[in-house]
C-alpha atoms as a PDB file:
ATOM      1  CA  UNK A   1      98.635  73.689 -49.626  1.00  0.00           C
ATOM      2  CA  UNK A   2      99.193  77.323 -50.424  1.00  0.00           C
ATOM      3  CA  UNK A   3      95.858  78.937 -51.288  1.00  0.00           C
ATOM      4  CA  UNK A   4      97.224  80.796 -54.316  1.00  0.00           C
ATOM      5  CA  UNK A   5      98.137  77.586 -56.161  1.00  0.00           C
ATOM      6  CA  UNK A   6      94.925  75.644 -55.503  1.00  0.00           C
ATOM      7  CA  UNK A   7      93.474  76.527 -58.921  1.00  0.00           C
ATOM      8  CA  UNK A   8      96.503  75.014 -60.630  1.00  0.00           C
ATOM      9  CA  UNK A   9      96.672  71.874 -58.530  1.00  0.00           C
ATOM     10  CA  UNK A  10      93.045  71.192 -59.477  1.00  0.00           C
ATOM     11  CA  UNK A  11      94.167  71.064 -63.124  1.00  0.00           C
ATOM     12  CA  UNK A  12      97.209  68.808 -62.589  1.00  0.00           C
ATOM     13  CA  UNK A  13      96.512  65.076 -62.717  1.00  0.00           C
ATOM     14  CA  UNK A  14      98.326  62.867 -60.203  1.00  0.00           C
ATOM     15  CA  UNK A  15      99.300  59.487 -61.617  1.00  0.00           C
ATOM     16  CA  UNK A  16     100.346  57.005 -58.933  1.00  0.00           C
ATOM     17  CA  UNK A  17     103.271  54.637 -59.436  1.00  0.00           C
ATOM     18  CA  UNK A  18     104.494  56.245 -62.665  1.00  0.00           C
ATOM     19  CA  UNK A  19     107.109  55.867 -64.031  1.00  0.00           C
ATOM     20  CA  UNK A  20     108.081  53.540 -61.182  1.00  0.00           C
ATOM     21  CA  UNK A  21     106.292  52.205 -58.090  1.00  0.00           C
ATOM     22  CA  UNK A  22     106.095  54.743 -55.279  1.00  0.00           C
ATOM     23  CA  UNK A  23     106.415  57.776 -57.583  1.00  0.00           C
ATOM     24  CA  UNK A  24     103.498  60.155 -58.159  1.00  0.00           C
ATOM     25  CA  UNK A  25     103.755  61.730 -61.598  1.00  0.00           C
ATOM     26  CA  UNK A  26     102.365  65.265 -61.889  1.00  0.00           C
ATOM     27  CA  UNK A  27     100.709  65.381 -65.318  1.00  0.00           C
ATOM     28  CA  UNK A  28     100.251  68.927 -66.686  1.00  0.00           C
ATOM     29  CA  UNK A  29      98.340  67.909 -69.824  1.00  0.00           C
ATOM     30  CA  UNK A  30      94.929  68.713 -68.251  1.00  0.00           C
ATOM     31  CA  UNK A  31      96.267  72.176 -67.321  1.00  0.00           C
ATOM     32  CA  UNK A  32      97.540  72.766 -70.857  1.00  0.00           C
ATOM     33  CA  UNK A  33      94.223  71.569 -72.285  1.00  0.00           C
ATOM     34  CA  UNK A  34      92.178  73.979 -70.170  1.00  0.00           C
ATOM     35  CA  UNK A  35      92.054  77.324 -72.007  1.00  0.00           C
ATOM     36  CA  UNK A  36      91.583  79.431 -68.872  1.00  0.00           C
ATOM     37  CA  UNK A  37      94.107  77.453 -66.828  1.00  0.00           C
ATOM     38  CA  UNK A  38      96.759  77.556 -69.543  1.00  0.00           C
ATOM     39  CA  UNK A  39      96.265  81.286 -70.087  1.00  0.00           C
ATOM     40  CA  UNK A  40      96.373  81.988 -66.358  1.00  0.00           C
ATOM     41  CA  UNK A  41      99.577  79.984 -65.895  1.00  0.00           C
ATOM     42  CA  UNK A  42     101.320  81.940 -68.669  1.00  0.00           C
ATOM     43  CA  UNK A  43      99.984  85.262 -67.342  1.00  0.00           C
ATOM     44  CA  UNK A  44     101.179  84.449 -63.812  1.00  0.00           C
ATOM     45  CA  UNK A  45     104.678  83.538 -64.985  1.00  0.00           C
ATOM     46  CA  UNK A  46     104.861  86.778 -66.969  1.00  0.00           C
ATOM     47  CA  UNK A  47     103.639  88.718 -63.929  1.00  0.00           C
ATOM     48  CA  UNK A  48     106.252  87.108 -61.653  1.00  0.00           C
ATOM     49  CA  UNK A  49     109.055  88.316 -63.927  1.00  0.00           C
ATOM     50  CA  UNK A  50     107.442  91.552 -65.107  1.00  0.00           C
ATOM     51  CA  UNK A  51     109.957  93.635 -63.150  1.00  0.00           C
ATOM     52  CA  UNK A  52     112.904  92.277 -65.159  1.00  0.00           C
ATOM     53  CA  UNK A  53     114.398  93.300 -68.458  1.00  0.00           C
ATOM     54  CA  UNK A  54     114.495  90.081 -70.488  1.00  0.00           C
ATOM     55  CA  UNK A  55     116.144  89.770 -73.908  1.00  0.00           C
ATOM     56  CA  UNK A  56     115.257  86.137 -74.552  1.00  0.00           C
ATOM     57  CA  UNK A  57     113.206  83.394 -72.950  1.00  0.00           C
ATOM     58  CA  UNK A  58     114.683  79.921 -73.098  1.00  0.00           C
ATOM     59  CA  UNK A  59     112.626  76.725 -73.025  1.00  0.00           C
ATOM     60  CA  UNK A  60     113.884  73.178 -72.621  1.00  0.00           C
ATOM     61  CA  UNK A  61     112.677  70.255 -74.695  1.00  0.00           C
ATOM     62  CA  UNK A  62     109.889  69.413 -74.835  1.00  0.00           C
ATOM     63  CA  UNK A  63     107.225  70.666 -72.444  1.00  0.00           C
ATOM     64  CA  UNK A  64     109.334  73.717 -71.661  1.00  0.00           C
ATOM     65  CA  UNK A  65     108.734  74.898 -75.242  1.00  0.00           C
ATOM     66  CA  UNK A  66     104.978  74.939 -74.626  1.00  0.00           C
ATOM     67  CA  UNK A  67     105.327  77.287 -71.657  1.00  0.00           C
ATOM     68  CA  UNK A  68     108.356  79.373 -72.648  1.00  0.00           C
ATOM     69  CA  UNK A  69     107.172  80.441 -76.109  1.00  0.00           C
ATOM     70  CA  UNK A  70     104.003  82.269 -74.957  1.00  0.00           C
ATOM     71  CA  UNK A  71     105.948  83.817 -72.054  1.00  0.00           C
ATOM     72  CA  UNK A  72     108.497  85.135 -74.583  1.00  0.00           C
ATOM     73  CA  UNK A  73     105.687  86.537 -76.713  1.00  0.00           C
ATOM     74  CA  UNK A  74     104.114  88.397 -73.790  1.00  0.00           C
ATOM     75  CA  UNK A  75     107.481  89.767 -72.639  1.00  0.00           C
ATOM     76  CA  UNK A  76     108.269  90.825 -76.228  1.00  0.00           C
ATOM     77  CA  UNK A  77     111.451  88.770 -75.999  1.00  0.00           C
ATOM     78  CA  UNK A  78     113.055  86.277 -78.350  1.00  0.00           C
ATOM     79  CA  UNK A  79     112.599  82.533 -77.799  1.00  0.00           C
ATOM     80  CA  UNK A  80     115.473  80.043 -77.572  1.00  0.00           C
ATOM     81  CA  UNK A  81     115.129  76.271 -77.620  1.00  0.00           C
ATOM     82  CA  UNK A  82     117.443  73.939 -75.734  1.00  0.00           C
ATOM     83  CA  UNK A  83     117.242  70.454 -77.203  1.00  0.00           C
ATOM     84  CA  UNK A  84     118.381  66.931 -76.482  1.00  0.00           C
ATOM     85  CA  UNK A  85     121.638  66.031 -78.247  1.00  0.00           C
ATOM     86  CA  UNK A  86     121.437  65.575 -82.009  1.00  0.00           C
ATOM     87  CA  UNK A  87     118.225  67.556 -82.628  1.00  0.00           C
ATOM     88  CA  UNK A  88     119.594  70.989 -83.605  1.00  0.00           C
ATOM     89  CA  UNK A  89     120.677  71.442 -87.239  1.00  0.00           C
ATOM     90  CA  UNK A  90     123.595  73.857 -86.827  1.00  0.00           C
ATOM     91  CA  UNK A  91     126.728  74.397 -84.697  1.00  0.00           C
ATOM     92  CA  UNK A  92     126.001  73.737 -81.033  1.00  0.00           C
ATOM     93  CA  UNK A  93     127.537  73.664 -77.610  1.00  0.00           C
ATOM     94  CA  UNK A  94     126.641  70.728 -75.401  1.00  0.00           C
ATOM     95  CA  UNK A  95     126.260  70.215 -71.674  1.00  0.00           C
ATOM     96  CA  UNK A  96     126.101  66.783 -70.079  1.00  0.00           C
ATOM     97  CA  UNK A  97     124.135  66.363 -66.875  1.00  0.00           C
ATOM     98  CA  UNK A  98     123.148  63.722 -64.367  1.00  0.00           C
ATOM     99  CA  UNK A  99     119.727  62.074 -64.463  1.00  0.00           C
ATOM    100  CA  UNK A 100     118.258  59.921 -61.721  1.00  0.00           C
ATOM    101  CA  UNK A 101     119.457  56.851 -63.644  1.00  0.00           C
ATOM    102  CA  UNK A 102     122.327  57.825 -65.926  1.00  0.00           C
ATOM    103  CA  UNK A 103     123.329  60.915 -67.884  1.00  0.00           C
ATOM    104  CA  UNK A 104     121.876  63.016 -70.696  1.00  0.00           C
ATOM    105  CA  UNK A 105     123.045  65.853 -72.927  1.00  0.00           C
ATOM    106  CA  UNK A 106     121.488  69.204 -73.837  1.00  0.00           C
ATOM    107  CA  UNK A 107     122.479  71.411 -76.769  1.00  0.00           C
ATOM    108  CA  UNK A 108     121.982  75.007 -77.829  1.00  0.00           C
ATOM    109  CA  UNK A 109     122.980  76.755 -81.045  1.00  0.00           C
ATOM    110  CA  UNK A 110     126.267  78.627 -80.643  1.00  0.00           C
ATOM    111  CA  UNK A 111     124.674  81.872 -81.841  1.00  0.00           C
ATOM    112  CA  UNK A 112     121.478  81.606 -79.746  1.00  0.00           C
ATOM    113  CA  UNK A 113     122.727  84.062 -77.113  1.00  0.00           C
ATOM    114  CA  UNK A 114     124.915  87.116 -77.467  1.00  0.00           C
ATOM    115  CA  UNK A 115     127.265  88.080 -74.620  1.00  0.00           C
ATOM    116  CA  UNK A 116     125.492  90.200 -72.032  1.00  0.00           C
ATOM    117  CA  UNK A 117     121.953  89.157 -72.968  1.00  0.00           C
ATOM    118  CA  UNK A 118     119.510  88.670 -70.113  1.00  0.00           C
ATOM    119  CA  UNK A 119     117.913  85.224 -70.269  1.00  0.00           C
ATOM    120  CA  UNK A 120     114.796  83.955 -68.513  1.00  0.00           C
ATOM    121  CA  UNK A 121     114.718  80.137 -68.280  1.00  0.00           C
ATOM    122  CA  UNK A 122     111.231  78.583 -68.306  1.00  0.00           C
ATOM    123  CA  UNK A 123     110.283  74.914 -67.911  1.00  0.00           C
ATOM    124  CA  UNK A 124     107.278  72.900 -66.821  1.00  0.00           C
ATOM    125  CA  UNK A 125     108.652  71.238 -63.672  1.00  0.00           C
ATOM    126  CA  UNK A 126     111.577  71.804 -61.318  1.00  0.00           C
ATOM    127  CA  UNK A 127     112.441  68.398 -59.857  1.00  0.00           C
ATOM    128  CA  UNK A 128     116.088  67.474 -59.190  1.00  0.00           C
ATOM    129  CA  UNK A 129     117.287  70.604 -60.992  1.00  0.00           C
ATOM    130  CA  UNK A 130     119.689  68.753 -63.297  1.00  0.00           C
ATOM    131  CA  UNK A 131     118.154  70.031 -66.528  1.00  0.00           C
ATOM    132  CA  UNK A 132     117.836  73.591 -65.233  1.00  0.00           C
ATOM    133  CA  UNK A 133     121.394  73.603 -63.891  1.00  0.00           C
ATOM    134  CA  UNK A 134     122.796  72.317 -67.209  1.00  0.00           C
ATOM    135  CA  UNK A 135     120.752  74.917 -69.079  1.00  0.00           C
ATOM    136  CA  UNK A 136     122.150  77.710 -66.914  1.00  0.00           C
ATOM    137  CA  UNK A 137     125.670  76.476 -67.686  1.00  0.00           C
ATOM    138  CA  UNK A 138     124.882  76.628 -71.434  1.00  0.00           C
ATOM    139  CA  UNK A 139     123.578  80.204 -71.125  1.00  0.00           C
ATOM    140  CA  UNK A 140     126.629  81.291 -69.162  1.00  0.00           C
ATOM    141  CA  UNK A 141     129.046  79.531 -71.543  1.00  0.00           C
ATOM    142  CA  UNK A 142     127.668  81.743 -74.329  1.00  0.00           C
ATOM    143  CA  UNK A 143     128.077  84.872 -72.203  1.00  0.00           C
ATOM    144  CA  UNK A 144     124.420  85.288 -71.230  1.00  0.00           C
ATOM    145  CA  UNK A 145     123.096  86.107 -67.770  1.00  0.00           C
ATOM    146  CA  UNK A 146     120.328  83.992 -66.245  1.00  0.00           C
ATOM    147  CA  UNK A 147     118.018  86.590 -64.687  1.00  0.00           C
ATOM    148  CA  UNK A 148     115.482  84.055 -63.440  1.00  0.00           C
ATOM    149  CA  UNK A 149     114.003  80.592 -63.716  1.00  0.00           C
ATOM    150  CA  UNK A 150     110.254  79.985 -63.849  1.00  0.00           C
ATOM    151  CA  UNK A 151     108.335  76.748 -63.514  1.00  0.00           C
ATOM    152  CA  UNK A 152     104.710  75.682 -63.491  1.00  0.00           C
ATOM    153  CA  UNK A 153     105.386  73.084 -60.777  1.00  0.00           C
ATOM    154  CA  UNK A 154     108.125  72.482 -58.248  1.00  0.00           C
ATOM    155  CA  UNK A 155     108.663  69.159 -56.474  1.00  0.00           C
ATOM    156  CA  UNK A 156     110.145  70.323 -53.168  1.00  0.00           C
ATOM    157  CA  UNK A 157     111.464  66.982 -51.953  1.00  0.00           C
ATOM    158  CA  UNK A 158     113.889  66.501 -54.842  1.00  0.00           C
ATOM    159  CA  UNK A 159     116.260  69.380 -54.053  1.00  0.00           C
ATOM    160  CA  UNK A 160     116.191  71.191 -57.379  1.00  0.00           C
ATOM    161  CA  UNK A 161     116.076  74.671 -55.880  1.00  0.00           C
ATOM    162  CA  UNK A 162     119.270  74.041 -53.894  1.00  0.00           C
ATOM    163  CA  UNK A 163     121.192  73.066 -57.062  1.00  0.00           C
ATOM    164  CA  UNK A 164     120.436  76.422 -58.672  1.00  0.00           C
ATOM    165  CA  UNK A 165     122.273  78.539 -56.115  1.00  0.00           C
ATOM    166  CA  UNK A 166     121.073  82.062 -55.427  1.00  0.00           C
ATOM    167  CA  UNK A 167     119.293  82.467 -58.763  1.00  0.00           C
ATOM    168  CA  UNK A 168     115.779  83.871 -58.735  1.00  0.00           C
ATOM    169  CA  UNK A 169     113.285  81.001 -58.962  1.00  0.00           C
ATOM    170  CA  UNK A 170     109.510  81.304 -59.306  1.00  0.00           C
ATOM    171  CA  UNK A 171     107.155  78.299 -59.246  1.00  0.00           C
ATOM    172  CA  UNK A 172     103.396  78.590 -59.605  1.00  0.00           C
ATOM    173  CA  UNK A 173     102.638  75.457 -57.552  1.00  0.00           C
ATOM    174  CA  UNK A 174     104.781  73.474 -55.143  1.00  0.00           C
ATOM    175  CA  UNK A 175     104.364  69.864 -54.075  1.00  0.00           C
END
């Protein structure tokens, strides 16, 4: 265990055999419910990317919204939501991606990003990287540049980091 992430791991609940036997689910709800822990996690993400110019912070449905919105506020950047298919009320572009068991689709409003904008992608967990990779493709399809990806937790054994190429990735705690 890296000493700098011990505080966070103390606030993440491990749930054995969820959603399937042999899987340990990392539950961030205790972290989000702890005022000091939640504030520290947002502050640390902002600090990790404080050297970048960021136009907008993008969060993925649904827990990504919880983390990305306060990061956007602190960076004085706009917030963009990426949603599951069928949730956004206006013209969208869609990206299909592979899940562990099947496929899913993400959507973003066509006018959410202007060409050349610098986008910071924030989510709760980096696991297989499928959601993050699809989100990066959406940003780039609209002409944006992904300047970094930030996560509360990263599950090292699932290969998500490798799927994201040479992009800058920051995770507050790794398992």
